[in-house]
């Protein structure tokens, strides 16, 4: 699948997954990445790896102060995921 053939939810998750991967502490990646660096990466990869409309929505949320990133340690992915699912429903 390519472009618009990929479901919108999958395109949104692709952006969120890469953001999470870059911002998360990884044992193999000792470099601490900044939120601004991640935003710049998303802009740079918009239209290449990420749907431009999804990146534009992300940038719009950031500009409006609506984008919030939380660091949660000691919780399972299910404990983190359920509140997000509840919010989206």
C-alpha atoms as a PDB file:
ATOM      1  CA  UNK A   1       0.000   0.000   0.000  1.00  0.00           C
ATOM      2  CA  UNK A   2       1.059   3.559  -0.635  1.00  0.00           C
ATOM      3  CA  UNK A   3      -0.217   7.038   0.104  1.00  0.00           C
ATOM      4  CA  UNK A   4      -3.954   7.349   0.586  1.00  0.00           C
ATOM      5  CA  UNK A   5      -4.381   3.565   0.285  1.00  0.00           C
ATOM      6  CA  UNK A   6      -2.931   3.310   3.799  1.00  0.00           C
ATOM      7  CA  UNK A   7      -5.718   3.795   6.370  1.00  0.00           C
ATOM      8  CA  UNK A   8      -5.611   7.202   8.083  1.00  0.00           C
ATOM      9  CA  UNK A   9      -5.321   5.610  11.523  1.00  0.00           C
ATOM     10  CA  UNK A  10      -2.224   3.740  10.400  1.00  0.00           C
ATOM     11  CA  UNK A  11      -0.664   6.940   9.056  1.00  0.00           C
ATOM     12  CA  UNK A  12      -1.329   8.672  12.390  1.00  0.00           C
ATOM     13  CA  UNK A  13       0.127   5.755  14.350  1.00  0.00           C
ATOM     14  CA  UNK A  14       3.243   5.804  12.145  1.00  0.00           C
ATOM     15  CA  UNK A  15       3.964   9.397  13.202  1.00  0.00           C
ATOM     16  CA  UNK A  16       3.180   8.704  16.870  1.00  0.00           C
ATOM     17  CA  UNK A  17       5.293   5.543  16.878  1.00  0.00           C
ATOM     18  CA  UNK A  18       8.363   7.283  15.464  1.00  0.00           C
ATOM     19  CA  UNK A  19       7.941  10.171  17.903  1.00  0.00           C
ATOM     20  CA  UNK A  20       7.718   7.712  20.780  1.00  0.00           C
ATOM     21  CA  UNK A  21      10.736   5.791  19.532  1.00  0.00           C
ATOM     22  CA  UNK A  22      12.892   8.892  19.250  1.00  0.00           C
ATOM     23  CA  UNK A  23      11.822  10.420  22.565  1.00  0.00           C
ATOM     24  CA  UNK A  24      11.935   7.207  24.609  1.00  0.00           C
ATOM     25  CA  UNK A  25      15.004   6.183  26.557  1.00  0.00           C
ATOM     26  CA  UNK A  26      16.586   3.261  24.743  1.00  0.00           C
ATOM     27  CA  UNK A  27      19.446   1.185  26.109  1.00  0.00           C
ATOM     28  CA  UNK A  28      21.148   1.244  22.704  1.00  0.00           C
ATOM     29  CA  UNK A  29      20.723   4.998  22.155  1.00  0.00           C
ATOM     30  CA  UNK A  30      22.506   7.091  24.756  1.00  0.00           C
ATOM     31  CA  UNK A  31      21.710  10.398  23.060  1.00  0.00           C
ATOM     32  CA  UNK A  32      18.835  12.385  24.567  1.00  0.00           C
ATOM     33  CA  UNK A  33      16.623  13.741  21.806  1.00  0.00           C
ATOM     34  CA  UNK A  34      14.741  16.996  22.220  1.00  0.00           C
ATOM     35  CA  UNK A  35      11.091  17.515  21.414  1.00  0.00           C
ATOM     36  CA  UNK A  36      12.064  20.304  18.989  1.00  0.00           C
ATOM     37  CA  UNK A  37      14.464  17.911  17.272  1.00  0.00           C
ATOM     38  CA  UNK A  38      11.647  15.422  16.798  1.00  0.00           C
ATOM     39  CA  UNK A  39       9.374  18.117  15.363  1.00  0.00           C
ATOM     40  CA  UNK A  40      12.141  19.109  12.930  1.00  0.00           C
ATOM     41  CA  UNK A  41      12.558  15.434  11.945  1.00  0.00           C
ATOM     42  CA  UNK A  42       8.817  15.133  11.270  1.00  0.00           C
ATOM     43  CA  UNK A  43       8.900  18.259   9.094  1.00  0.00           C
ATOM     44  CA  UNK A  44      11.906  16.936   7.189  1.00  0.00           C
ATOM     45  CA  UNK A  45      10.295  13.537   6.579  1.00  0.00           C
ATOM     46  CA  UNK A  46       6.838  14.893   5.721  1.00  0.00           C
ATOM     47  CA  UNK A  47       5.898  13.591   2.289  1.00  0.00           C
ATOM     48  CA  UNK A  48       8.765  11.097   2.348  1.00  0.00           C
ATOM     49  CA  UNK A  49       7.969   8.722   5.218  1.00  0.00           C
ATOM     50  CA  UNK A  50       4.970  10.479   6.759  1.00  0.00           C
ATOM     51  CA  UNK A  51       1.656  11.696   5.404  1.00  0.00           C
ATOM     52  CA  UNK A  52       1.958  15.494   5.029  1.00  0.00           C
ATOM     53  CA  UNK A  53      -1.595  16.034   6.326  1.00  0.00           C
ATOM     54  CA  UNK A  54      -0.799  14.080   9.510  1.00  0.00           C
ATOM     55  CA  UNK A  55       2.430  16.016  10.049  1.00  0.00           C
ATOM     56  CA  UNK A  56       0.574  19.272   9.407  1.00  0.00           C
ATOM     57  CA  UNK A  57      -2.022  18.308  12.043  1.00  0.00           C
ATOM     58  CA  UNK A  58       0.810  17.527  14.477  1.00  0.00           C
ATOM     59  CA  UNK A  59       2.451  20.896  13.799  1.00  0.00           C
ATOM     60  CA  UNK A  60      -0.867  22.678  14.188  1.00  0.00           C
ATOM     61  CA  UNK A  61      -1.466  21.035  17.571  1.00  0.00           C
ATOM     62  CA  UNK A  62       2.031  22.024  18.639  1.00  0.00           C
ATOM     63  CA  UNK A  63       1.574  25.653  17.528  1.00  0.00           C
ATOM     64  CA  UNK A  64      -1.732  25.854  19.437  1.00  0.00           C
ATOM     65  CA  UNK A  65      -0.120  24.450  22.578  1.00  0.00           C
ATOM     66  CA  UNK A  66      -2.388  21.398  22.422  1.00  0.00           C
ATOM     67  CA  UNK A  67       0.334  18.790  21.944  1.00  0.00           C
ATOM     68  CA  UNK A  68       1.382  17.181  25.209  1.00  0.00           C
ATOM     69  CA  UNK A  69       4.086  14.582  25.668  1.00  0.00           C
ATOM     70  CA  UNK A  70       4.210  12.593  28.890  1.00  0.00           C
ATOM     71  CA  UNK A  71       6.998  10.503  30.319  1.00  0.00           C
ATOM     72  CA  UNK A  72       5.541   7.516  32.086  1.00  0.00           C
ATOM     73  CA  UNK A  73       7.837   5.091  33.820  1.00  0.00           C
ATOM     74  CA  UNK A  74       6.915   1.859  35.546  1.00  0.00           C
ATOM     75  CA  UNK A  75       3.628   1.315  33.714  1.00  0.00           C
ATOM     76  CA  UNK A  76       2.874  -1.451  31.265  1.00  0.00           C
ATOM     77  CA  UNK A  77       1.956  -0.507  27.717  1.00  0.00           C
ATOM     78  CA  UNK A  78      -1.627  -1.661  28.407  1.00  0.00           C
ATOM     79  CA  UNK A  79      -1.877   0.723  31.394  1.00  0.00           C
ATOM     80  CA  UNK A  80      -0.707   3.586  29.207  1.00  0.00           C
ATOM     81  CA  UNK A  81      -2.704   2.621  26.129  1.00  0.00           C
ATOM     82  CA  UNK A  82      -6.172   2.351  27.731  1.00  0.00           C
ATOM     83  CA  UNK A  83      -6.484   6.029  28.781  1.00  0.00           C
ATOM     84  CA  UNK A  84      -5.444   7.047  25.253  1.00  0.00           C
ATOM     85  CA  UNK A  85      -8.042   4.758  23.713  1.00  0.00           C
ATOM     86  CA  UNK A  86     -10.691   6.110  26.098  1.00  0.00           C
ATOM     87  CA  UNK A  87      -9.758   9.667  25.102  1.00  0.00           C
ATOM     88  CA  UNK A  88      -9.977   8.911  21.375  1.00  0.00           C
ATOM     89  CA  UNK A  89     -13.379   7.229  21.696  1.00  0.00           C
END
